[in-house]
């Protein structure tokens, strides 16, 4: 399976396995902008990604608890998800996500 991370003006396509979270794939491939400080506990927001429009229906919406955390982020949008909560399936082969630029 493949996942493409769009980071500012660049992109990186990496190999992933079904059942991995997008966060796990990002960490394993040193994707800039995915800190994942809570290790996948869905409590920190540091694995925030935006699902590219053509993939939003396949990925599905955030759960209420996830959306409550995402609402606190300055660049939250309807495309926002926590990468730790997006589990890869064969249906998501080729998934494309945007990694918001970290505030400095």
PDB file of N, CA and C in Angstrom:
ATOM      1  N   UNK A   1       0.847  -1.180   0.000  1.00  0.00           N
ATOM      2  CA  UNK A   1       0.000   0.000   0.000  1.00  0.00           C
ATOM      3  C   UNK A   1       0.884   1.231   0.000  1.00  0.00           C
ATOM      4  N   UNK A   2       0.320   2.340  -0.502  1.00  0.00           N
ATOM      5  CA  UNK A   2       1.041   3.602  -0.553  1.00  0.00           C
ATOM      6  C   UNK A   2       0.230   4.696   0.137  1.00  0.00           C
ATOM      7  N   UNK A   3       0.956   5.604   0.779  1.00  0.00           N
ATOM      8  CA  UNK A   3       0.385   6.819   1.355  1.00  0.00           C
ATOM      9  C   UNK A   3       1.276   7.968   0.923  1.00  0.00           C
ATOM     10  N   UNK A   4       0.664   9.054   0.467  1.00  0.00           N
ATOM     11  CA  UNK A   4       1.417  10.239   0.076  1.00  0.00           C
ATOM     12  C   UNK A   4       1.156  11.340   1.081  1.00  0.00           C
ATOM     13  N   UNK A   5       2.239  11.884   1.617  1.00  0.00           N
ATOM     14  CA  UNK A   5       2.189  13.010   2.545  1.00  0.00           C
ATOM     15  C   UNK A   5       2.610  14.245   1.777  1.00  0.00           C
ATOM     16  N   UNK A   6       1.745  15.255   1.747  1.00  0.00           N
ATOM     17  CA  UNK A   6       2.070  16.526   1.112  1.00  0.00           C
ATOM     18  C   UNK A   6       2.486  17.493   2.212  1.00  0.00           C
ATOM     19  N   UNK A   7       3.729  17.948   2.122  1.00  0.00           N
ATOM     20  CA  UNK A   7       4.306  18.809   3.141  1.00  0.00           C
ATOM     21  C   UNK A   7       4.760  20.083   2.444  1.00  0.00           C
ATOM     22  N   UNK A   8       4.074  21.179   2.701  1.00  0.00           N
ATOM     23  CA  UNK A   8       4.344  22.453   2.037  1.00  0.00           C
ATOM     24  C   UNK A   8       4.382  22.241   0.532  1.00  0.00           C
ATOM     25  N   UNK A   9       5.511  22.508  -0.114  1.00  0.00           N
ATOM     26  CA  UNK A   9       5.606  22.403  -1.579  1.00  0.00           C
ATOM     27  C   UNK A   9       6.210  21.086  -2.039  1.00  0.00           C
ATOM     28  N   UNK A  10       6.248  20.102  -1.167  1.00  0.00           N
ATOM     29  CA  UNK A  10       6.870  18.823  -1.483  1.00  0.00           C
ATOM     30  C   UNK A  10       5.901  17.696  -1.145  1.00  0.00           C
ATOM     31  N   UNK A  11       6.179  16.523  -1.633  1.00  0.00           N
ATOM     32  CA  UNK A  11       5.392  15.352  -1.246  1.00  0.00           C
ATOM     33  C   UNK A  11       6.322  14.156  -1.127  1.00  0.00           C
ATOM     34  N   UNK A  12       5.881  13.211  -0.303  1.00  0.00           N
ATOM     35  CA  UNK A  12       6.653  11.988  -0.102  1.00  0.00           C
ATOM     36  C   UNK A  12       5.675  10.826  -0.087  1.00  0.00           C
ATOM     37  N   UNK A  13       5.876   9.875  -0.982  1.00  0.00           N
ATOM     38  CA  UNK A  13       5.051   8.673  -1.037  1.00  0.00           C
ATOM     39  C   UNK A  13       5.824   7.536  -0.393  1.00  0.00           C
ATOM     40  N   UNK A  14       5.150   6.855   0.528  1.00  0.00           N
ATOM     41  CA  UNK A  14       5.797   5.795   1.296  1.00  0.00           C
ATOM     42  C   UNK A  14       4.939   4.533   1.269  1.00  0.00           C
ATOM     43  N   UNK A  15       5.555   3.430   1.616  1.00  0.00           N
ATOM     44  CA  UNK A  15       4.878   2.144   1.689  1.00  0.00           C
ATOM     45  C   UNK A  15       4.279   1.958   3.077  1.00  0.00           C
ATOM     46  N   UNK A  16       3.093   1.383   3.140  1.00  0.00           N
ATOM     47  CA  UNK A  16       2.402   1.152   4.410  1.00  0.00           C
ATOM     48  C   UNK A  16       1.770  -0.235   4.385  1.00  0.00           C
ATOM     49  N   UNK A  17       1.351  -0.669   5.559  1.00  0.00           N
ATOM     50  CA  UNK A  17       0.680  -1.962   5.696  1.00  0.00           C
ATOM     51  C   UNK A  17      -0.750  -1.751   6.170  1.00  0.00           C
ATOM     52  N   UNK A  18      -1.683  -2.583   5.726  1.00  0.00           N
ATOM     53  CA  UNK A  18      -3.045  -2.497   6.239  1.00  0.00           C
ATOM     54  C   UNK A  18      -3.025  -2.658   7.759  1.00  0.00           C
ATOM     55  N   UNK A  19      -3.839  -1.873   8.431  1.00  0.00           N
ATOM     56  CA  UNK A  19      -3.920  -1.927   9.885  1.00  0.00           C
ATOM     57  C   UNK A  19      -3.055  -0.899  10.579  1.00  0.00           C
ATOM     58  N   UNK A  20      -2.060  -0.362   9.884  1.00  0.00           N
ATOM     59  CA  UNK A  20      -1.263   0.710  10.476  1.00  0.00           C
ATOM     60  C   UNK A  20      -2.083   1.989  10.482  1.00  0.00           C
ATOM     61  N   UNK A  21      -1.780   2.861  11.430  1.00  0.00           N
ATOM     62  CA  UNK A  21      -2.389   4.191  11.392  1.00  0.00           C
ATOM     63  C   UNK A  21      -1.521   5.082  10.515  1.00  0.00           C
ATOM     64  N   UNK A  22      -2.124   6.133  10.004  1.00  0.00           N
ATOM     65  CA  UNK A  22      -1.360   7.104   9.213  1.00  0.00           C
ATOM     66  C   UNK A  22      -0.233   7.686  10.071  1.00  0.00           C
ATOM     67  N   UNK A  23      -0.477   7.860  11.361  1.00  0.00           N
ATOM     68  CA  UNK A  23       0.558   8.354  12.269  1.00  0.00           C
ATOM     69  C   UNK A  23       1.742   7.392  12.327  1.00  0.00           C
ATOM     70  N   UNK A  24       1.487   6.102  12.469  1.00  0.00           N
ATOM     71  CA  UNK A  24       2.562   5.114  12.527  1.00  0.00           C
ATOM     72  C   UNK A  24       3.396   5.134  11.251  1.00  0.00           C
ATOM     73  N   UNK A  25       2.722   5.254  10.125  1.00  0.00           N
ATOM     74  CA  UNK A  25       3.420   5.307   8.842  1.00  0.00           C
ATOM     75  C   UNK A  25       4.279   6.569   8.770  1.00  0.00           C
ATOM     76  N   UNK A  26       3.738   7.689   9.224  1.00  0.00           N
ATOM     77  CA  UNK A  26       4.487   8.955   9.205  1.00  0.00           C
ATOM     78  C   UNK A  26       5.734   8.863  10.081  1.00  0.00           C
ATOM     79  N   UNK A  27       5.587   8.334  11.283  1.00  0.00           N
ATOM     80  CA  UNK A  27       6.731   8.220  12.190  1.00  0.00           C
ATOM     81  C   UNK A  27       7.797   7.272  11.633  1.00  0.00           C
ATOM     82  N   UNK A  28       7.373   6.164  11.063  1.00  0.00           N
ATOM     83  CA  UNK A  28       8.318   5.188  10.517  1.00  0.00           C
ATOM     84  C   UNK A  28       9.101   5.743   9.331  1.00  0.00           C
ATOM     85  N   UNK A  29       8.552   6.782   8.702  1.00  0.00           N
ATOM     86  CA  UNK A  29       9.183   7.352   7.515  1.00  0.00           C
ATOM     87  C   UNK A  29       9.682   8.786   7.726  1.00  0.00           C
ATOM     88  N   UNK A  30       9.794   9.183   8.987  1.00  0.00           N
ATOM     89  CA  UNK A  30      10.329  10.504   9.344  1.00  0.00           C
ATOM     90  C   UNK A  30       9.653  11.657   8.601  1.00  0.00           C
ATOM     91  N   UNK A  31       8.322  11.636   8.587  1.00  0.00           N
ATOM     92  CA  UNK A  31       7.563  12.692   7.932  1.00  0.00           C
ATOM     93  C   UNK A  31       7.587  13.944   8.804  1.00  0.00           C
ATOM     94  N   UNK A  32       8.087  15.016   8.263  1.00  0.00           N
ATOM     95  CA  UNK A  32       8.165  16.283   8.974  1.00  0.00           C
ATOM     96  C   UNK A  32       6.765  16.813   9.279  1.00  0.00           C
ATOM     97  N   UNK A  33       6.581  17.313  10.498  1.00  0.00           N
ATOM     98  CA  UNK A  33       5.301  17.899  10.878  1.00  0.00           C
ATOM     99  C   UNK A  33       4.390  16.963  11.648  1.00  0.00           C
ATOM    100  N   UNK A  34       4.760  15.703  11.769  1.00  0.00           N
ATOM    101  CA  UNK A  34       3.985  14.734  12.547  1.00  0.00           C
ATOM    102  C   UNK A  34       4.806  14.395  13.794  1.00  0.00           C
ATOM    103  N   UNK A  35       4.507  15.061  14.908  1.00  0.00           N
ATOM    104  CA  UNK A  35       5.263  14.844  16.141  1.00  0.00           C
ATOM    105  C   UNK A  35       4.716  13.660  16.934  1.00  0.00           C
ATOM    106  N   UNK A  36       3.395  13.502  16.944  1.00  0.00           N
ATOM    107  CA  UNK A  36       2.744  12.389  17.647  1.00  0.00           C
ATOM    108  C   UNK A  36       3.217  12.279  19.092  1.00  0.00           C
ATOM    109  N   UNK A  37       3.178  13.378  19.796  1.00  0.00           N
ATOM    110  CA  UNK A  37       3.702  13.437  21.166  1.00  0.00           C
ATOM    111  C   UNK A  37       3.010  12.485  22.134  1.00  0.00           C
ATOM    112  N   UNK A  38       1.732  12.182  21.913  1.00  0.00           N
ATOM    113  CA  UNK A  38       1.033  11.281  22.839  1.00  0.00           C
ATOM    114  C   UNK A  38       1.124   9.823  22.397  1.00  0.00           C
ATOM    115  N   UNK A  39       1.802   9.559  21.297  1.00  0.00           N
ATOM    116  CA  UNK A  39       2.010   8.186  20.852  1.00  0.00           C
ATOM    117  C   UNK A  39       0.775   7.502  20.304  1.00  0.00           C
ATOM    118  N   UNK A  40      -0.210   8.263  19.905  1.00  0.00           N
ATOM    119  CA  UNK A  40      -1.411   7.677  19.319  1.00  0.00           C
ATOM    120  C   UNK A  40      -2.602   7.632  20.252  1.00  0.00           C
ATOM    121  N   UNK A  41      -2.523   8.351  21.363  1.00  0.00           N
ATOM    122  CA  UNK A  41      -3.611   8.363  22.337  1.00  0.00           C
ATOM    123  C   UNK A  41      -4.738   9.325  22.027  1.00  0.00           C
ATOM    124  N   UNK A  42      -4.625  10.050  20.925  1.00  0.00           N
ATOM    125  CA  UNK A  42      -5.650  11.013  20.495  1.00  0.00           C
ATOM    126  C   UNK A  42      -5.919  12.075  21.552  1.00  0.00           C
ATOM    127  N   UNK A  43      -4.839  12.540  22.194  1.00  0.00           N
ATOM    128  CA  UNK A  43      -5.021  13.562  23.226  1.00  0.00           C
ATOM    129  C   UNK A  43      -4.163  14.800  23.026  1.00  0.00           C
ATOM    130  N   UNK A  44      -3.336  14.845  21.961  1.00  0.00           N
ATOM    131  CA  UNK A  44      -2.433  15.991  21.850  1.00  0.00           C
ATOM    132  C   UNK A  44      -2.615  16.817  20.580  1.00  0.00           C
ATOM    133  N   UNK A  45      -3.080  16.248  19.510  1.00  0.00           N
ATOM    134  CA  UNK A  45      -3.275  16.987  18.267  1.00  0.00           C
ATOM    135  C   UNK A  45      -2.014  17.176  17.442  1.00  0.00           C
ATOM    136  N   UNK A  46      -0.881  16.598  17.857  1.00  0.00           N
ATOM    137  CA  UNK A  46       0.366  16.808  17.127  1.00  0.00           C
ATOM    138  C   UNK A  46       0.552  15.855  15.943  1.00  0.00           C
ATOM    139  N   UNK A  47      -0.486  15.126  15.602  1.00  0.00           N
ATOM    140  CA  UNK A  47      -0.452  14.302  14.390  1.00  0.00           C
ATOM    141  C   UNK A  47      -1.556  14.749  13.433  1.00  0.00           C
ATOM    142  N   UNK A  48      -1.945  16.004  13.549  1.00  0.00           N
ATOM    143  CA  UNK A  48      -2.998  16.584  12.715  1.00  0.00           C
ATOM    144  C   UNK A  48      -2.620  16.521  11.234  1.00  0.00           C
ATOM    145  N   UNK A  49      -3.520  16.002  10.431  1.00  0.00           N
ATOM    146  CA  UNK A  49      -3.386  16.010   8.978  1.00  0.00           C
ATOM    147  C   UNK A  49      -4.716  16.454   8.378  1.00  0.00           C
ATOM    148  N   UNK A  50      -4.655  16.824   7.121  1.00  0.00           N
ATOM    149  CA  UNK A  50      -5.872  17.143   6.371  1.00  0.00           C
ATOM    150  C   UNK A  50      -5.969  16.145   5.223  1.00  0.00           C
ATOM    151  N   UNK A  51      -7.080  15.451   5.195  1.00  0.00           N
ATOM    152  CA  UNK A  51      -7.309  14.430   4.172  1.00  0.00           C
ATOM    153  C   UNK A  51      -7.630  15.137   2.856  1.00  0.00           C
ATOM    154  N   UNK A  52      -6.924  14.766   1.792  1.00  0.00           N
ATOM    155  CA  UNK A  52      -7.189  15.366   0.481  1.00  0.00           C
ATOM    156  C   UNK A  52      -8.636  15.069   0.085  1.00  0.00           C
ATOM    157  N   UNK A  53      -9.231  16.020  -0.601  1.00  0.00           N
ATOM    158  CA  UNK A  53     -10.671  15.985  -0.892  1.00  0.00           C
ATOM    159  C   UNK A  53     -11.144  14.672  -1.499  1.00  0.00           C
ATOM    160  N   UNK A  54     -10.423  14.131  -2.456  1.00  0.00           N
ATOM    161  CA  UNK A  54     -10.901  12.910  -3.126  1.00  0.00           C
ATOM    162  C   UNK A  54     -10.907  11.688  -2.208  1.00  0.00           C
ATOM    163  N   UNK A  55     -10.269  11.778  -1.034  1.00  0.00           N
ATOM    164  CA  UNK A  55     -10.195  10.661  -0.092  1.00  0.00           C
ATOM    165  C   UNK A  55     -11.105  10.840   1.114  1.00  0.00           C
ATOM    166  N   UNK A  56     -11.736  11.985   1.276  1.00  0.00           N
ATOM    167  CA  UNK A  56     -12.491  12.267   2.493  1.00  0.00           C
ATOM    168  C   UNK A  56     -13.644  11.295   2.732  1.00  0.00           C
ATOM    169  N   UNK A  57     -14.389  10.933   1.703  1.00  0.00           N
ATOM    170  CA  UNK A  57     -15.496   9.990   1.886  1.00  0.00           C
ATOM    171  C   UNK A  57     -14.996   8.612   2.306  1.00  0.00           C
ATOM    172  N   UNK A  58     -13.914   8.157   1.694  1.00  0.00           N
ATOM    173  CA  UNK A  58     -13.370   6.835   2.020  1.00  0.00           C
ATOM    174  C   UNK A  58     -12.831   6.784   3.448  1.00  0.00           C
ATOM    175  N   UNK A  59     -12.195   7.862   3.891  1.00  0.00           N
ATOM    176  CA  UNK A  59     -11.642   7.910   5.251  1.00  0.00           C
ATOM    177  C   UNK A  59     -12.750   8.074   6.278  1.00  0.00           C
ATOM    178  N   UNK A  60     -13.722   8.893   5.955  1.00  0.00           N
ATOM    179  CA  UNK A  60     -14.837   9.137   6.870  1.00  0.00           C
ATOM    180  C   UNK A  60     -14.543  10.288   7.821  1.00  0.00           C
ATOM    181  N   UNK A  61     -15.576  10.725   8.520  1.00  0.00           N
ATOM    182  CA  UNK A  61     -15.429  11.875   9.412  1.00  0.00           C
ATOM    183  C   UNK A  61     -14.795  11.498  10.750  1.00  0.00           C
ATOM    184  N   UNK A  62     -14.340  12.515  11.434  1.00  0.00           N
ATOM    185  CA  UNK A  62     -13.787  12.330  12.782  1.00  0.00           C
ATOM    186  C   UNK A  62     -14.906  11.975  13.751  1.00  0.00           C
ATOM    187  N   UNK A  63     -14.570  11.165  14.739  1.00  0.00           N
ATOM    188  CA  UNK A  63     -15.501  10.879  15.834  1.00  0.00           C
ATOM    189  C   UNK A  63     -15.631  12.145  16.681  1.00  0.00           C
ATOM    190  N   UNK A  64     -16.656  12.216  17.531  1.00  0.00           N
ATOM    191  CA  UNK A  64     -16.888  13.413  18.350  1.00  0.00           C
ATOM    192  C   UNK A  64     -15.689  13.772  19.226  1.00  0.00           C
ATOM    193  N   UNK A  65     -15.093  12.767  19.911  1.00  0.00           N
ATOM    194  CA  UNK A  65     -13.958  13.050  20.791  1.00  0.00           C
ATOM    195  C   UNK A  65     -12.778  13.615  19.997  1.00  0.00           C
ATOM    196  N   UNK A  66     -12.582  13.104  18.791  1.00  0.00           N
ATOM    197  CA  UNK A  66     -11.489  13.563  17.931  1.00  0.00           C
ATOM    198  C   UNK A  66     -11.769  14.992  17.452  1.00  0.00           C
ATOM    199  N   UNK A  67     -12.991  15.243  17.047  1.00  0.00           N
ATOM    200  CA  UNK A  67     -13.358  16.573  16.567  1.00  0.00           C
ATOM    201  C   UNK A  67     -13.232  17.617  17.674  1.00  0.00           C
ATOM    202  N   UNK A  68     -13.533  17.246  18.915  1.00  0.00           N
ATOM    203  CA  UNK A  68     -13.376  18.182  20.030  1.00  0.00           C
ATOM    204  C   UNK A  68     -11.926  18.643  20.144  1.00  0.00           C
ATOM    205  N   UNK A  69     -10.983  17.748  19.963  1.00  0.00           N
ATOM    206  CA  UNK A  69      -9.570  18.109  20.017  1.00  0.00           C
ATOM    207  C   UNK A  69      -9.171  18.908  18.783  1.00  0.00           C
ATOM    208  N   UNK A  70      -9.622  18.488  17.623  1.00  0.00           N
ATOM    209  CA  UNK A  70      -9.281  19.187  16.390  1.00  0.00           C
ATOM    210  C   UNK A  70      -9.801  20.623  16.393  1.00  0.00           C
ATOM    211  N   UNK A  71     -10.961  20.835  16.998  1.00  0.00           N
ATOM    212  CA  UNK A  71     -11.543  22.185  17.078  1.00  0.00           C
ATOM    213  C   UNK A  71     -10.608  23.182  17.751  1.00  0.00           C
ATOM    214  N   UNK A  72      -9.710  22.710  18.582  1.00  0.00           N
ATOM    215  CA  UNK A  72      -8.781  23.578  19.316  1.00  0.00           C
ATOM    216  C   UNK A  72      -7.579  23.984  18.474  1.00  0.00           C
ATOM    217  N   UNK A  73      -7.369  23.365  17.339  1.00  0.00           N
ATOM    218  CA  UNK A  73      -6.213  23.667  16.502  1.00  0.00           C
ATOM    219  C   UNK A  73      -6.486  24.884  15.630  1.00  0.00           C
ATOM    220  N   UNK A  74      -5.483  25.728  15.430  1.00  0.00           N
ATOM    221  CA  UNK A  74      -5.706  26.971  14.680  1.00  0.00           C
ATOM    222  C   UNK A  74      -6.058  26.764  13.212  1.00  0.00           C
ATOM    223  N   UNK A  75      -5.642  25.668  12.611  1.00  0.00           N
ATOM    224  CA  UNK A  75      -5.910  25.447  11.187  1.00  0.00           C
ATOM    225  C   UNK A  75      -6.883  24.287  10.953  1.00  0.00           C
ATOM    226  N   UNK A  76      -7.793  24.083  11.913  1.00  0.00           N
ATOM    227  CA  UNK A  76      -8.818  23.046  11.804  1.00  0.00           C
ATOM    228  C   UNK A  76      -9.723  23.332  10.604  1.00  0.00           C
ATOM    229  N   UNK A  77     -10.085  22.282   9.890  1.00  0.00           N
ATOM    230  CA  UNK A  77     -11.061  22.385   8.803  1.00  0.00           C
ATOM    231  C   UNK A  77     -11.852  21.088   8.748  1.00  0.00           C
ATOM    232  N   UNK A  78     -12.828  21.037   7.872  1.00  0.00           N
ATOM    233  CA  UNK A  78     -13.634  19.814   7.744  1.00  0.00           C
ATOM    234  C   UNK A  78     -12.801  18.639   7.243  1.00  0.00           C
ATOM    235  N   UNK A  79     -11.634  18.904   6.661  1.00  0.00           N
ATOM    236  CA  UNK A  79     -10.745  17.851   6.176  1.00  0.00           C
ATOM    237  C   UNK A  79      -9.799  17.345   7.257  1.00  0.00           C
ATOM    238  N   UNK A  80      -9.812  17.966   8.433  1.00  0.00           N
ATOM    239  CA  UNK A  80      -8.875  17.626   9.500  1.00  0.00           C
ATOM    240  C   UNK A  80      -9.173  16.276  10.132  1.00  0.00           C
ATOM    241  N   UNK A  81      -8.103  15.544  10.411  1.00  0.00           N
ATOM    242  CA  UNK A  81      -8.178  14.290  11.157  1.00  0.00           C
ATOM    243  C   UNK A  81      -6.901  14.158  11.969  1.00  0.00           C
ATOM    244  N   UNK A  82      -6.973  13.374  13.037  1.00  0.00           N
ATOM    245  CA  UNK A  82      -5.774  12.976  13.748  1.00  0.00           C
ATOM    246  C   UNK A  82      -5.242  11.743  13.025  1.00  0.00           C
ATOM    247  N   UNK A  83      -3.984  11.781  12.621  1.00  0.00           N
ATOM    248  CA  UNK A  83      -3.405  10.672  11.862  1.00  0.00           C
ATOM    249  C   UNK A  83      -3.432   9.369  12.653  1.00  0.00           C
ATOM    250  N   UNK A  84      -3.420   9.478  13.986  1.00  0.00           N
ATOM    251  CA  UNK A  84      -3.457   8.259  14.809  1.00  0.00           C
ATOM    252  C   UNK A  84      -4.814   7.570  14.763  1.00  0.00           C
ATOM    253  N   UNK A  85      -5.838   8.267  14.302  1.00  0.00           N
ATOM    254  CA  UNK A  85      -7.186   7.706  14.262  1.00  0.00           C
ATOM    255  C   UNK A  85      -7.600   7.228  12.876  1.00  0.00           C
ATOM    256  N   UNK A  86      -6.715   7.384  11.902  1.00  0.00           N
ATOM    257  CA  UNK A  86      -6.999   6.925  10.543  1.00  0.00           C
ATOM    258  C   UNK A  86      -6.236   5.628  10.324  1.00  0.00           C
ATOM    259  N   UNK A  87      -6.976   4.523  10.359  1.00  0.00           N
ATOM    260  CA  UNK A  87      -6.370   3.204  10.159  1.00  0.00           C
ATOM    261  C   UNK A  87      -6.459   2.818   8.688  1.00  0.00           C
ATOM    262  N   UNK A  88      -5.353   2.332   8.169  1.00  0.00           N
ATOM    263  CA  UNK A  88      -5.282   2.011   6.750  1.00  0.00           C
ATOM    264  C   UNK A  88      -5.940   0.674   6.437  1.00  0.00           C
ATOM    265  N   UNK A  89      -6.708   0.691   5.361  1.00  0.00           N
ATOM    266  CA  UNK A  89      -7.337  -0.503   4.807  1.00  0.00           C
ATOM    267  C   UNK A  89      -6.964  -0.550   3.326  1.00  0.00           C
ATOM    268  N   UNK A  90      -7.215  -1.669   2.679  1.00  0.00           N
ATOM    269  CA  UNK A  90      -6.916  -1.766   1.256  1.00  0.00           C
ATOM    270  C   UNK A  90      -7.672  -0.700   0.466  1.00  0.00           C
ATOM    271  N   UNK A  91      -8.847  -0.305   0.951  1.00  0.00           N
ATOM    272  CA  UNK A  91      -9.629   0.745   0.293  1.00  0.00           C
ATOM    273  C   UNK A  91      -8.876   2.079   0.269  1.00  0.00           C
ATOM    274  N   UNK A  92      -7.959   2.267   1.209  1.00  0.00           N
ATOM    275  CA  UNK A  92      -7.227   3.533   1.306  1.00  0.00           C
ATOM    276  C   UNK A  92      -5.850   3.479   0.639  1.00  0.00           C
ATOM    277  N   UNK A  93      -5.586   2.443  -0.144  1.00  0.00           N
ATOM    278  CA  UNK A  93      -4.315   2.370  -0.868  1.00  0.00           C
ATOM    279  C   UNK A  93      -4.210   3.565  -1.814  1.00  0.00           C
ATOM    280  N   UNK A  94      -3.149   4.348  -1.649  1.00  0.00           N
ATOM    281  CA  UNK A  94      -2.961   5.561  -2.447  1.00  0.00           C
ATOM    282  C   UNK A  94      -3.392   6.827  -1.722  1.00  0.00           C
ATOM    283  N   UNK A  95      -3.805   6.706  -0.466  1.00  0.00           N
ATOM    284  CA  UNK A  95      -4.272   7.843   0.332  1.00  0.00           C
ATOM    285  C   UNK A  95      -3.309   9.013   0.251  1.00  0.00           C
ATOM    286  N   UNK A  96      -3.869  10.210   0.156  1.00  0.00           N
ATOM    287  CA  UNK A  96      -3.085  11.439   0.142  1.00  0.00           C
ATOM    288  C   UNK A  96      -3.555  12.322   1.283  1.00  0.00           C
ATOM    289  N   UNK A  97      -2.587  12.795   2.081  1.00  0.00           N
ATOM    290  CA  UNK A  97      -2.889  13.702   3.183  1.00  0.00           C
ATOM    291  C   UNK A  97      -1.956  14.901   3.140  1.00  0.00           C
ATOM    292  N   UNK A  98      -2.462  16.028   3.602  1.00  0.00           N
ATOM    293  CA  UNK A  98      -1.657  17.242   3.751  1.00  0.00           C
ATOM    294  C   UNK A  98      -1.231  17.349   5.200  1.00  0.00           C
ATOM    295  N   UNK A  99       0.035  17.690   5.408  1.00  0.00           N
ATOM    296  CA  UNK A  99       0.555  17.912   6.744  1.00  0.00           C
ATOM    297  C   UNK A  99       0.624  19.416   6.946  1.00  0.00           C
ATOM    298  N   UNK A 100      -0.242  19.968   7.821  1.00  0.00           N
ATOM    299  CA  UNK A 100      -0.215  21.416   8.038  1.00  0.00           C
ATOM    300  C   UNK A 100       1.153  21.867   8.549  1.00  0.00           C
ATOM    301  N   UNK A 101       1.538  23.063   8.127  1.00  0.00           N
ATOM    302  CA  UNK A 101       2.814  23.616   8.570  1.00  0.00           C
ATOM    303  C   UNK A 101       2.751  23.912  10.060  1.00  0.00           C
ATOM    304  N   UNK A 102       3.731  23.442  10.782  1.00  0.00           N
ATOM    305  CA  UNK A 102       3.776  23.678  12.225  1.00  0.00           C
ATOM    306  C   UNK A 102       4.016  25.152  12.507  1.00  0.00           C
ATOM    307  N   UNK A 103       3.294  25.662  13.518  1.00  0.00           N
ATOM    308  CA  UNK A 103       3.499  27.047  13.899  1.00  0.00           C
ATOM    309  C   UNK A 103       4.822  27.175  14.625  1.00  0.00           C
ATOM    310  N   UNK A 104       5.478  28.307  14.403  1.00  0.00           N
ATOM    311  CA  UNK A 104       6.773  28.502  15.031  1.00  0.00           C
ATOM    312  C   UNK A 104       6.722  29.576  16.065  1.00  0.00           C
TER     313      UNK A 104
END
